[in-house]
C-alpha atoms as a PDB file:
ATOM      1  CA  UNK A   1      -3.912 -23.139 -18.464  1.00  0.00           C
ATOM      2  CA  UNK A   2      -0.402 -21.739 -17.998  1.00  0.00           C
ATOM      3  CA  UNK A   3       0.067 -18.158 -16.866  1.00  0.00           C
ATOM      4  CA  UNK A   4       1.942 -15.610 -18.948  1.00  0.00           C
ATOM      5  CA  UNK A   5       5.286 -14.495 -17.491  1.00  0.00           C
ATOM      6  CA  UNK A   6       5.677 -10.968 -16.143  1.00  0.00           C
ATOM      7  CA  UNK A   7       8.437  -9.144 -14.293  1.00  0.00           C
ATOM      8  CA  UNK A   8       7.489  -6.740 -11.519  1.00  0.00           C
ATOM      9  CA  UNK A   9      10.070  -4.104 -10.692  1.00  0.00           C
ATOM     10  CA  UNK A  10       9.477  -2.854  -7.164  1.00  0.00           C
ATOM     11  CA  UNK A  11      10.821   0.601  -6.317  1.00  0.00           C
ATOM     12  CA  UNK A  12      12.873   1.142  -3.186  1.00  0.00           C
ATOM     13  CA  UNK A  13      12.254   3.377  -1.395  1.00  0.00           C
ATOM     14  CA  UNK A  14       8.465   3.453  -1.698  1.00  0.00           C
ATOM     15  CA  UNK A  15       5.446   3.972   0.530  1.00  0.00           C
ATOM     16  CA  UNK A  16       5.443   5.421   4.025  1.00  0.00           C
ATOM     17  CA  UNK A  17       7.904   8.173   4.903  1.00  0.00           C
ATOM     18  CA  UNK A  18       8.957   9.158   8.420  1.00  0.00           C
ATOM     19  CA  UNK A  19       6.493  12.082   8.578  1.00  0.00           C
ATOM     20  CA  UNK A  20       3.521   9.889   7.640  1.00  0.00           C
ATOM     21  CA  UNK A  21       4.606   7.129  10.003  1.00  0.00           C
ATOM     22  CA  UNK A  22       4.852   9.687  12.825  1.00  0.00           C
ATOM     23  CA  UNK A  23       1.433  11.214  12.065  1.00  0.00           C
ATOM     24  CA  UNK A  24      -0.340   7.844  12.137  1.00  0.00           C
ATOM     25  CA  UNK A  25       1.467   6.929  15.350  1.00  0.00           C
ATOM     26  CA  UNK A  26       0.312  10.226  16.897  1.00  0.00           C
ATOM     27  CA  UNK A  27      -3.354   9.365  16.277  1.00  0.00           C
ATOM     28  CA  UNK A  28      -2.914   5.831  17.612  1.00  0.00           C
ATOM     29  CA  UNK A  29      -1.082   7.063  20.731  1.00  0.00           C
ATOM     30  CA  UNK A  30      -3.709   9.761  21.327  1.00  0.00           C
ATOM     31  CA  UNK A  31      -6.454   7.130  21.193  1.00  0.00           C
ATOM     32  CA  UNK A  32      -4.500   4.933  23.614  1.00  0.00           C
ATOM     33  CA  UNK A  33      -3.913   7.849  26.002  1.00  0.00           C
ATOM     34  CA  UNK A  34      -7.277   9.628  25.970  1.00  0.00           C
ATOM     35  CA  UNK A  35      -9.617   7.010  24.546  1.00  0.00           C
ATOM     36  CA  UNK A  36     -12.101   7.482  21.717  1.00  0.00           C
ATOM     37  CA  UNK A  37     -13.145   9.703  20.214  1.00  0.00           C
ATOM     38  CA  UNK A  38     -10.137  11.754  19.191  1.00  0.00           C
ATOM     39  CA  UNK A  39     -10.794  14.405  16.554  1.00  0.00           C
ATOM     40  CA  UNK A  40      -8.478  14.949  13.585  1.00  0.00           C
ATOM     41  CA  UNK A  41      -8.627  18.152  11.583  1.00  0.00           C
ATOM     42  CA  UNK A  42      -8.398  17.114   7.934  1.00  0.00           C
ATOM     43  CA  UNK A  43      -7.268  13.641   6.811  1.00  0.00           C
ATOM     44  CA  UNK A  44      -4.197  12.824   8.887  1.00  0.00           C
ATOM     45  CA  UNK A  45      -2.501  11.703   5.640  1.00  0.00           C
ATOM     46  CA  UNK A  46      -3.932  11.407   2.149  1.00  0.00           C
ATOM     47  CA  UNK A  47      -4.829   7.723   2.027  1.00  0.00           C
ATOM     48  CA  UNK A  48      -8.344   6.286   2.347  1.00  0.00           C
ATOM     49  CA  UNK A  49      -7.183   2.933   3.727  1.00  0.00           C
ATOM     50  CA  UNK A  50      -5.205   4.611   6.521  1.00  0.00           C
ATOM     51  CA  UNK A  51      -7.998   7.056   7.341  1.00  0.00           C
ATOM     52  CA  UNK A  52     -10.629   4.273   7.415  1.00  0.00           C
ATOM     53  CA  UNK A  53      -8.461   2.163   9.734  1.00  0.00           C
ATOM     54  CA  UNK A  54      -8.025   5.045  12.162  1.00  0.00           C
ATOM     55  CA  UNK A  55     -11.723   5.883  11.970  1.00  0.00           C
ATOM     56  CA  UNK A  56     -12.503   2.292  12.954  1.00  0.00           C
ATOM     57  CA  UNK A  57     -10.259   2.753  16.003  1.00  0.00           C
ATOM     58  CA  UNK A  58     -12.151   5.842  17.134  1.00  0.00           C
ATOM     59  CA  UNK A  59     -10.743   8.820  15.235  1.00  0.00           C
ATOM     60  CA  UNK A  60     -13.268  11.349  13.925  1.00  0.00           C
ATOM     61  CA  UNK A  61     -12.103  13.311  10.893  1.00  0.00           C
ATOM     62  CA  UNK A  62     -13.399  16.843  10.415  1.00  0.00           C
ATOM     63  CA  UNK A  63     -12.542  19.689   8.086  1.00  0.00           C
ATOM     64  CA  UNK A  64     -12.488  22.556  10.569  1.00  0.00           C
ATOM     65  CA  UNK A  65     -11.879  23.172  14.256  1.00  0.00           C
ATOM     66  CA  UNK A  66     -15.488  24.421  14.508  1.00  0.00           C
ATOM     67  CA  UNK A  67     -16.564  20.782  14.123  1.00  0.00           C
ATOM     68  CA  UNK A  68     -14.638  19.704  17.244  1.00  0.00           C
ATOM     69  CA  UNK A  69     -16.021  19.821  20.811  1.00  0.00           C
ATOM     70  CA  UNK A  70     -13.898  21.669  23.382  1.00  0.00           C
ATOM     71  CA  UNK A  71     -13.679  18.679  25.725  1.00  0.00           C
ATOM     72  CA  UNK A  72     -12.033  16.162  23.340  1.00  0.00           C
ATOM     73  CA  UNK A  73      -8.453  16.134  22.006  1.00  0.00           C
ATOM     74  CA  UNK A  74      -7.851  17.280  18.440  1.00  0.00           C
ATOM     75  CA  UNK A  75      -4.931  16.448  16.158  1.00  0.00           C
ATOM     76  CA  UNK A  76      -3.697  18.592  13.275  1.00  0.00           C
ATOM     77  CA  UNK A  77      -2.778  16.674  10.115  1.00  0.00           C
ATOM     78  CA  UNK A  78       0.709  15.978   8.767  1.00  0.00           C
ATOM     79  CA  UNK A  79       0.245  18.669   6.096  1.00  0.00           C
ATOM     80  CA  UNK A  80       0.340  21.521   8.624  1.00  0.00           C
ATOM     81  CA  UNK A  81      -2.188  24.201   9.512  1.00  0.00           C
ATOM     82  CA  UNK A  82      -2.327  28.007   9.420  1.00  0.00           C
ATOM     83  CA  UNK A  83      -1.206  29.722  12.646  1.00  0.00           C
ATOM     84  CA  UNK A  84      -4.784  30.761  13.332  1.00  0.00           C
ATOM     85  CA  UNK A  85      -5.826  27.137  13.965  1.00  0.00           C
ATOM     86  CA  UNK A  86      -3.661  26.333  17.031  1.00  0.00           C
ATOM     87  CA  UNK A  87      -4.278  29.876  18.264  1.00  0.00           C
ATOM     88  CA  UNK A  88      -8.028  29.240  18.219  1.00  0.00           C
ATOM     89  CA  UNK A  89      -7.562  25.833  19.876  1.00  0.00           C
ATOM     90  CA  UNK A  90      -5.550  27.486  22.650  1.00  0.00           C
ATOM     91  CA  UNK A  91      -8.216  30.180  23.061  1.00  0.00           C
ATOM     92  CA  UNK A  92     -10.792  27.426  23.565  1.00  0.00           C
ATOM     93  CA  UNK A  93      -8.494  25.633  26.055  1.00  0.00           C
ATOM     94  CA  UNK A  94      -8.558  22.517  23.889  1.00  0.00           C
ATOM     95  CA  UNK A  95      -6.084  19.667  24.175  1.00  0.00           C
ATOM     96  CA  UNK A  96      -4.378  19.586  20.788  1.00  0.00           C
ATOM     97  CA  UNK A  97      -1.482  17.716  19.219  1.00  0.00           C
ATOM     98  CA  UNK A  98       0.280  18.953  16.109  1.00  0.00           C
ATOM     99  CA  UNK A  99       1.149  16.086  13.730  1.00  0.00           C
ATOM    100  CA  UNK A 100       2.679  18.433  11.130  1.00  0.00           C
ATOM    101  CA  UNK A 101       5.617  16.708   9.457  1.00  0.00           C
ATOM    102  CA  UNK A 102       8.847  18.187  10.879  1.00  0.00           C
ATOM    103  CA  UNK A 103      10.046  18.876   7.332  1.00  0.00           C
ATOM    104  CA  UNK A 104       6.925  20.954   6.685  1.00  0.00           C
ATOM    105  CA  UNK A 105       7.478  22.722  10.012  1.00  0.00           C
ATOM    106  CA  UNK A 106      11.001  23.535   8.803  1.00  0.00           C
ATOM    107  CA  UNK A 107       9.487  25.403   5.846  1.00  0.00           C
ATOM    108  CA  UNK A 108       7.143  27.261   8.230  1.00  0.00           C
ATOM    109  CA  UNK A 109      10.099  28.376  10.361  1.00  0.00           C
ATOM    110  CA  UNK A 110      12.021  29.388   7.258  1.00  0.00           C
ATOM    111  CA  UNK A 111       9.111  31.530   6.026  1.00  0.00           C
ATOM    112  CA  UNK A 112       8.839  33.253   9.408  1.00  0.00           C
ATOM    113  CA  UNK A 113      12.580  34.035   9.478  1.00  0.00           C
ATOM    114  CA  UNK A 114      12.455  35.585   6.020  1.00  0.00           C
ATOM    115  CA  UNK A 115       9.376  37.583   7.019  1.00  0.00           C
ATOM    116  CA  UNK A 116      11.152  38.831  10.143  1.00  0.00           C
ATOM    117  CA  UNK A 117      13.910  40.162   7.863  1.00  0.00           C
ATOM    118  CA  UNK A 118      11.350  42.127   5.854  1.00  0.00           C
ATOM    119  CA  UNK A 119      11.243  39.787   2.857  1.00  0.00           C
ATOM    120  CA  UNK A 120       8.063  38.958   0.976  1.00  0.00           C
ATOM    121  CA  UNK A 121       7.665  35.226   0.268  1.00  0.00           C
ATOM    122  CA  UNK A 122       7.054  33.438  -3.002  1.00  0.00           C
ATOM    123  CA  UNK A 123       5.692  29.931  -2.442  1.00  0.00           C
ATOM    124  CA  UNK A 124       5.981  27.290  -5.137  1.00  0.00           C
ATOM    125  CA  UNK A 125       3.048  24.970  -4.528  1.00  0.00           C
ATOM    126  CA  UNK A 126      -0.407  23.775  -5.517  1.00  0.00           C
ATOM    127  CA  UNK A 127      -3.283  26.140  -4.851  1.00  0.00           C
ATOM    128  CA  UNK A 128      -5.698  24.718  -2.283  1.00  0.00           C
ATOM    129  CA  UNK A 129      -3.480  21.841  -1.162  1.00  0.00           C
ATOM    130  CA  UNK A 130      -3.560  21.583   2.661  1.00  0.00           C
ATOM    131  CA  UNK A 131       0.203  21.984   2.936  1.00  0.00           C
ATOM    132  CA  UNK A 132       0.151  25.127   0.806  1.00  0.00           C
ATOM    133  CA  UNK A 133      -2.776  26.549   2.808  1.00  0.00           C
ATOM    134  CA  UNK A 134      -0.963  25.788   6.072  1.00  0.00           C
ATOM    135  CA  UNK A 135       2.341  27.292   4.968  1.00  0.00           C
ATOM    136  CA  UNK A 136       0.801  30.449   3.516  1.00  0.00           C
ATOM    137  CA  UNK A 137      -1.185  30.763   6.747  1.00  0.00           C
ATOM    138  CA  UNK A 138       2.012  31.174   8.770  1.00  0.00           C
ATOM    139  CA  UNK A 139       2.312  34.793   7.637  1.00  0.00           C
ATOM    140  CA  UNK A 140      -0.103  37.731   7.345  1.00  0.00           C
ATOM    141  CA  UNK A 141      -2.285  37.930   4.255  1.00  0.00           C
ATOM    142  CA  UNK A 142      -0.409  39.263   1.237  1.00  0.00           C
ATOM    143  CA  UNK A 143       3.010  38.266   2.549  1.00  0.00           C
ATOM    144  CA  UNK A 144       3.091  35.018   0.543  1.00  0.00           C
ATOM    145  CA  UNK A 145       2.641  35.000  -3.231  1.00  0.00           C
ATOM    146  CA  UNK A 146       1.792  31.604  -4.754  1.00  0.00           C
ATOM    147  CA  UNK A 147       3.185  30.303  -8.051  1.00  0.00           C
ATOM    148  CA  UNK A 148       2.309  26.930  -9.564  1.00  0.00           C
ATOM    149  CA  UNK A 149       4.032  27.128 -12.953  1.00  0.00           C
ATOM    150  CA  UNK A 150       6.829  28.895 -14.805  1.00  0.00           C
ATOM    151  CA  UNK A 151       4.178  31.062 -16.501  1.00  0.00           C
ATOM    152  CA  UNK A 152       2.994  32.271 -13.088  1.00  0.00           C
ATOM    153  CA  UNK A 153       6.426  33.748 -12.430  1.00  0.00           C
ATOM    154  CA  UNK A 154       6.015  36.259 -15.264  1.00  0.00           C
ATOM    155  CA  UNK A 155       2.767  37.524 -13.731  1.00  0.00           C
ATOM    156  CA  UNK A 156       4.168  38.088 -10.228  1.00  0.00           C
ATOM    157  CA  UNK A 157       3.823  41.586  -8.811  1.00  0.00           C
ATOM    158  CA  UNK A 158       5.894  41.676  -5.619  1.00  0.00           C
ATOM    159  CA  UNK A 159       5.989  44.636  -3.274  1.00  0.00           C
ATOM    160  CA  UNK A 160       9.758  45.036  -3.826  1.00  0.00           C
ATOM    161  CA  UNK A 161      11.634  42.855  -6.363  1.00  0.00           C
ATOM    162  CA  UNK A 162      14.800  43.250  -4.277  1.00  0.00           C
ATOM    163  CA  UNK A 163      13.170  41.968  -1.075  1.00  0.00           C
ATOM    164  CA  UNK A 164      12.002  38.477  -1.971  1.00  0.00           C
ATOM    165  CA  UNK A 165      12.589  34.905  -0.807  1.00  0.00           C
ATOM    166  CA  UNK A 166      11.088  31.632  -2.007  1.00  0.00           C
ATOM    167  CA  UNK A 167       9.944  28.421  -0.346  1.00  0.00           C
ATOM    168  CA  UNK A 168       8.331  25.298  -1.796  1.00  0.00           C
ATOM    169  CA  UNK A 169       5.738  22.684  -0.960  1.00  0.00           C
ATOM    170  CA  UNK A 170       7.594  19.559   0.160  1.00  0.00           C
ATOM    171  CA  UNK A 171       5.857  17.107  -2.212  1.00  0.00           C
ATOM    172  CA  UNK A 172       6.460  18.680  -5.625  1.00  0.00           C
ATOM    173  CA  UNK A 173       8.151  17.299  -8.718  1.00  0.00           C
ATOM    174  CA  UNK A 174      11.867  17.962  -8.308  1.00  0.00           C
ATOM    175  CA  UNK A 175      12.288  18.719 -12.026  1.00  0.00           C
ATOM    176  CA  UNK A 176       9.250  21.005 -12.333  1.00  0.00           C
ATOM    177  CA  UNK A 177      10.302  22.913  -9.234  1.00  0.00           C
ATOM    178  CA  UNK A 178      13.827  23.390 -10.587  1.00  0.00           C
ATOM    179  CA  UNK A 179      12.357  25.023 -13.705  1.00  0.00           C
ATOM    180  CA  UNK A 180      10.227  27.395 -11.611  1.00  0.00           C
ATOM    181  CA  UNK A 181      13.168  28.279  -9.361  1.00  0.00           C
ATOM    182  CA  UNK A 182      15.272  29.045 -12.453  1.00  0.00           C
ATOM    183  CA  UNK A 183      12.521  31.345 -13.750  1.00  0.00           C
ATOM    184  CA  UNK A 184      12.312  33.134 -10.374  1.00  0.00           C
ATOM    185  CA  UNK A 185      16.069  33.624 -10.227  1.00  0.00           C
ATOM    186  CA  UNK A 186      16.149  34.895 -13.801  1.00  0.00           C
ATOM    187  CA  UNK A 187      13.434  37.491 -13.153  1.00  0.00           C
ATOM    188  CA  UNK A 188      14.466  38.343  -9.585  1.00  0.00           C
ATOM    189  CA  UNK A 189      18.246  37.882  -9.287  1.00  0.00           C
ATOM    190  CA  UNK A 190      18.208  39.028  -5.643  1.00  0.00           C
ATOM    191  CA  UNK A 191      15.658  36.431  -4.523  1.00  0.00           C
ATOM    192  CA  UNK A 192      16.768  34.391  -1.507  1.00  0.00           C
ATOM    193  CA  UNK A 193      16.381  30.613  -1.569  1.00  0.00           C
ATOM    194  CA  UNK A 194      16.297  28.032   1.226  1.00  0.00           C
ATOM    195  CA  UNK A 195      19.580  26.922   2.808  1.00  0.00           C
ATOM    196  CA  UNK A 196      18.574  23.360   1.945  1.00  0.00           C
ATOM    197  CA  UNK A 197      16.003  22.312  -0.643  1.00  0.00           C
ATOM    198  CA  UNK A 198      12.446  22.333   0.752  1.00  0.00           C
ATOM    199  CA  UNK A 199      11.296  19.280  -1.224  1.00  0.00           C
ATOM    200  CA  UNK A 200      11.615  16.499   1.316  1.00  0.00           C
ATOM    201  CA  UNK A 201      14.040  13.591   1.160  1.00  0.00           C
ATOM    202  CA  UNK A 202      11.209  11.058   0.750  1.00  0.00           C
ATOM    203  CA  UNK A 203       9.669  12.860  -2.233  1.00  0.00           C
ATOM    204  CA  UNK A 204      13.079  13.139  -3.902  1.00  0.00           C
ATOM    205  CA  UNK A 205      14.018   9.511  -3.200  1.00  0.00           C
ATOM    206  CA  UNK A 206      10.747   8.121  -4.521  1.00  0.00           C
ATOM    207  CA  UNK A 207      11.008  10.180  -7.689  1.00  0.00           C
ATOM    208  CA  UNK A 208      14.601   9.030  -8.285  1.00  0.00           C
ATOM    209  CA  UNK A 209      13.543   5.385  -7.868  1.00  0.00           C
ATOM    210  CA  UNK A 210      10.753   5.914 -10.411  1.00  0.00           C
ATOM    211  CA  UNK A 211      13.205   7.424 -12.905  1.00  0.00           C
ATOM    212  CA  UNK A 212      15.492   4.395 -12.559  1.00  0.00           C
ATOM    213  CA  UNK A 213      12.573   1.980 -12.845  1.00  0.00           C
ATOM    214  CA  UNK A 214      11.051   3.699 -15.883  1.00  0.00           C
ATOM    215  CA  UNK A 215      14.019   2.612 -18.021  1.00  0.00           C
ATOM    216  CA  UNK A 216      13.222  -1.060 -17.343  1.00  0.00           C
ATOM    217  CA  UNK A 217       9.442  -1.177 -17.642  1.00  0.00           C
ATOM    218  CA  UNK A 218       6.662  -1.103 -20.219  1.00  0.00           C
ATOM    219  CA  UNK A 219       4.158   0.268 -17.703  1.00  0.00           C
ATOM    220  CA  UNK A 220       4.025   1.597 -14.154  1.00  0.00           C
ATOM    221  CA  UNK A 221       1.545   1.525 -11.297  1.00  0.00           C
ATOM    222  CA  UNK A 222       1.703   4.111  -8.523  1.00  0.00           C
ATOM    223  CA  UNK A 223      -0.243   3.108  -5.425  1.00  0.00           C
ATOM    224  CA  UNK A 224      -1.665   6.185  -3.771  1.00  0.00           C
ATOM    225  CA  UNK A 225      -4.707   8.376  -3.304  1.00  0.00           C
ATOM    226  CA  UNK A 226      -6.035  10.758  -5.986  1.00  0.00           C
ATOM    227  CA  UNK A 227      -5.667  13.681  -3.540  1.00  0.00           C
ATOM    228  CA  UNK A 228      -2.059  12.769  -2.694  1.00  0.00           C
ATOM    229  CA  UNK A 229       0.279  15.340  -4.253  1.00  0.00           C
ATOM    230  CA  UNK A 230       3.422  13.222  -4.003  1.00  0.00           C
ATOM    231  CA  UNK A 231       1.650  10.179  -5.535  1.00  0.00           C
ATOM    232  CA  UNK A 232       0.400  12.172  -8.524  1.00  0.00           C
ATOM    233  CA  UNK A 233       3.904  13.560  -9.026  1.00  0.00           C
ATOM    234  CA  UNK A 234       5.266   9.988  -9.217  1.00  0.00           C
ATOM    235  CA  UNK A 235       2.912   9.276 -12.138  1.00  0.00           C
ATOM    236  CA  UNK A 236       4.124  12.422 -13.914  1.00  0.00           C
ATOM    237  CA  UNK A 237       7.790  11.626 -13.235  1.00  0.00           C
ATOM    238  CA  UNK A 238       7.351   8.098 -14.581  1.00  0.00           C
ATOM    239  CA  UNK A 239       5.823   9.327 -17.833  1.00  0.00           C
ATOM    240  CA  UNK A 240       8.483  11.987 -18.259  1.00  0.00           C
ATOM    241  CA  UNK A 241      11.200   9.395 -17.682  1.00  0.00           C
ATOM    242  CA  UNK A 242       9.970   7.350 -20.638  1.00  0.00           C
ATOM    243  CA  UNK A 243       7.294   5.037 -19.230  1.00  0.00           C
ATOM    244  CA  UNK A 244       4.390   5.800 -21.541  1.00  0.00           C
ATOM    245  CA  UNK A 245       1.733   4.082 -19.417  1.00  0.00           C
ATOM    246  CA  UNK A 246       1.627   5.106 -15.757  1.00  0.00           C
ATOM    247  CA  UNK A 247      -1.531   4.673 -13.699  1.00  0.00           C
ATOM    248  CA  UNK A 248      -2.435   5.871 -10.203  1.00  0.00           C
ATOM    249  CA  UNK A 249      -4.337   3.186  -8.285  1.00  0.00           C
ATOM    250  CA  UNK A 250      -5.634   3.227  -4.725  1.00  0.00           C
ATOM    251  CA  UNK A 251      -5.500  -0.574  -4.451  1.00  0.00           C
ATOM    252  CA  UNK A 252      -5.591  -3.779  -6.519  1.00  0.00           C
ATOM    253  CA  UNK A 253      -9.274  -3.404  -7.460  1.00  0.00           C
ATOM    254  CA  UNK A 254      -8.395  -0.230  -9.393  1.00  0.00           C
ATOM    255  CA  UNK A 255      -5.840  -1.841 -11.729  1.00  0.00           C
ATOM    256  CA  UNK A 256      -6.912  -1.661 -15.378  1.00  0.00           C
ATOM    257  CA  UNK A 257      -5.923  -5.185 -16.419  1.00  0.00           C
ATOM    258  CA  UNK A 258      -7.006  -4.696 -20.043  1.00  0.00           C
ATOM    259  CA  UNK A 259      -4.550  -1.829 -20.421  1.00  0.00           C
ATOM    260  CA  UNK A 260      -1.763  -4.151 -19.254  1.00  0.00           C
ATOM    261  CA  UNK A 261      -2.460  -6.940 -21.759  1.00  0.00           C
ATOM    262  CA  UNK A 262       0.681  -7.976 -23.633  1.00  0.00           C
ATOM    263  CA  UNK A 263       2.997  -6.103 -21.273  1.00  0.00           C
ATOM    264  CA  UNK A 264       5.915  -8.113 -19.879  1.00  0.00           C
ATOM    265  CA  UNK A 265       7.408  -5.710 -17.321  1.00  0.00           C
ATOM    266  CA  UNK A 266       5.639  -3.470 -14.816  1.00  0.00           C
ATOM    267  CA  UNK A 267       7.084  -0.993 -12.336  1.00  0.00           C
ATOM    268  CA  UNK A 268       5.361  -0.702  -8.955  1.00  0.00           C
ATOM    269  CA  UNK A 269       5.819   2.083  -6.439  1.00  0.00           C
ATOM    270  CA  UNK A 270       3.741   3.862  -3.830  1.00  0.00           C
ATOM    271  CA  UNK A 271       3.294   7.394  -2.586  1.00  0.00           C
ATOM    272  CA  UNK A 272       4.563   8.396   0.844  1.00  0.00           C
ATOM    273  CA  UNK A 273       1.156   7.916   2.487  1.00  0.00           C
ATOM    274  CA  UNK A 274       0.404   4.451   1.043  1.00  0.00           C
ATOM    275  CA  UNK A 275       0.920   1.501   3.430  1.00  0.00           C
ATOM    276  CA  UNK A 276       2.876  -1.616   2.459  1.00  0.00           C
ATOM    277  CA  UNK A 277      -0.243  -3.784   2.799  1.00  0.00           C
ATOM    278  CA  UNK A 278      -1.695  -2.125  -0.335  1.00  0.00           C
ATOM    279  CA  UNK A 279       1.544  -2.710  -2.250  1.00  0.00           C
ATOM    280  CA  UNK A 280       1.477  -6.396  -1.292  1.00  0.00           C
ATOM    281  CA  UNK A 281      -2.184  -6.565  -2.325  1.00  0.00           C
ATOM    282  CA  UNK A 282      -1.277  -5.400  -5.850  1.00  0.00           C
ATOM    283  CA  UNK A 283       1.650  -7.838  -6.068  1.00  0.00           C
ATOM    284  CA  UNK A 284      -0.641 -10.697  -4.989  1.00  0.00           C
ATOM    285  CA  UNK A 285      -3.140  -9.677  -7.681  1.00  0.00           C
ATOM    286  CA  UNK A 286      -0.393 -10.013 -10.301  1.00  0.00           C
ATOM    287  CA  UNK A 287       0.679 -13.383  -8.898  1.00  0.00           C
ATOM    288  CA  UNK A 288      -2.866 -14.662  -9.244  1.00  0.00           C
ATOM    289  CA  UNK A 289      -2.890 -13.735 -12.940  1.00  0.00           C
ATOM    290  CA  UNK A 290       0.731 -14.123 -14.124  1.00  0.00           C
ATOM    291  CA  UNK A 291       3.851 -16.184 -13.607  1.00  0.00           C
ATOM    292  CA  UNK A 292       5.521 -13.406 -11.662  1.00  0.00           C
ATOM    293  CA  UNK A 293       9.181 -12.545 -11.153  1.00  0.00           C
ATOM    294  CA  UNK A 294       9.875  -9.810  -8.604  1.00  0.00           C
ATOM    295  CA  UNK A 295      12.951  -7.565  -8.797  1.00  0.00           C
ATOM    296  CA  UNK A 296      13.865  -4.638  -6.537  1.00  0.00           C
ATOM    297  CA  UNK A 297      15.099  -1.344  -7.982  1.00  0.00           C
ATOM    298  CA  UNK A 298      16.849   0.360  -5.075  1.00  0.00           C
ATOM    299  CA  UNK A 299      18.240   3.871  -5.437  1.00  0.00           C
ATOM    300  CA  UNK A 300      18.479   4.924  -1.778  1.00  0.00           C
ATOM    301  CA  UNK A 301      18.112   3.664   1.765  1.00  0.00           C
ATOM    302  CA  UNK A 302      16.114   5.543   4.377  1.00  0.00           C
ATOM    303  CA  UNK A 303      16.573   5.410   8.148  1.00  0.00           C
ATOM    304  CA  UNK A 304      14.878   8.660   9.168  1.00  0.00           C
ATOM    305  CA  UNK A 305      12.672   8.638  12.262  1.00  0.00           C
ATOM    306  CA  UNK A 306      10.832  11.544  13.888  1.00  0.00           C
ATOM    307  CA  UNK A 307       9.855  11.635  17.556  1.00  0.00           C
ATOM    308  CA  UNK A 308       6.217  12.039  18.509  1.00  0.00           C
ATOM    309  CA  UNK A 309       5.252  15.163  20.527  1.00  0.00           C
ATOM    310  CA  UNK A 310       6.167  15.075  24.204  1.00  0.00           C
ATOM    311  CA  UNK A 311       2.538  15.365  25.357  1.00  0.00           C
ATOM    312  CA  UNK A 312       1.950  11.826  24.057  1.00  0.00           C
ATOM    313  CA  UNK A 313       4.996  10.440  25.853  1.00  0.00           C
ATOM    314  CA  UNK A 314       3.875  11.832  29.215  1.00  0.00           C
ATOM    315  CA  UNK A 315       1.421  10.153  31.612  1.00  0.00           C
ATOM    316  CA  UNK A 316      -2.226  11.122  31.178  1.00  0.00           C
ATOM    317  CA  UNK A 317      -2.515  13.918  33.732  1.00  0.00           C
ATOM    318  CA  UNK A 318      -2.731  17.648  33.045  1.00  0.00           C
ATOM    319  CA  UNK A 319      -3.185  18.433  29.353  1.00  0.00           C
ATOM    320  CA  UNK A 320      -0.869  21.153  28.044  1.00  0.00           C
ATOM    321  CA  UNK A 321      -2.175  23.306  25.233  1.00  0.00           C
ATOM    322  CA  UNK A 322       1.098  23.086  23.339  1.00  0.00           C
ATOM    323  CA  UNK A 323       2.591  19.861  22.004  1.00  0.00           C
ATOM    324  CA  UNK A 324       6.250  20.660  22.647  1.00  0.00           C
END
């Protein structure tokens, strides 16, 4: 029986970003340096496949520092942590390594600088997301006001409307964030913004690739975890760009093949924490069912690389309590 033809449009860039790549490398290097187990506070990145692989190598994932013994190294996830977490680790004389993405750390530094100038912060982000919790935890309670939508802006009650600055979570929808920023600037004309947009290059690039791909496809699959903010945003961006069917899948087993019946062109992309092996798994699943043509939709090239903390590049001797 002959297979039906289908065209797969593969987004470029897609999948791992430099911050995720660095975070995974940090766990692997820590295991190589200190041996198992190494503790990781929160999922190092939001992807079950990645977390399971690292767990098999000897990483133990916990939610809080209280779950970590003093005598074993602990790693903080790529999403960042409140200041109180490394402070507590230092108090306990723990060996710790901070795998916070440098672009998230940039937002932390930015928030601190604004605070030092007497400005109250408005953070555009998702309530409860680890990155939002970590960023808000850089400043004293009450110094960061959270907004998730344009409607939230109208309800803001800042200490002084003339002494405000805003920052954003790095994995948001570029378009949604622009609308919220416009609402903030309309209500608080004196509000200070970041020197450079906080939404990271990888988030922006992946969303732009999805927009370009949406014009060519009948449906779209985004490979990523259900708790991955940037992956969920890719689904939303695809739908908004005109692709009426966009589905988030963790791997090939999650594809709803019935929903794709009769469709001749599918866009495939992946969130910044999804490894290429899962993308190839989905492509292979299509090849087993269809006569498949693969085309690349490239909108940008990425060559960003972040160094791992110095403590992991040094010989295993004395353990500093700071990672840089």
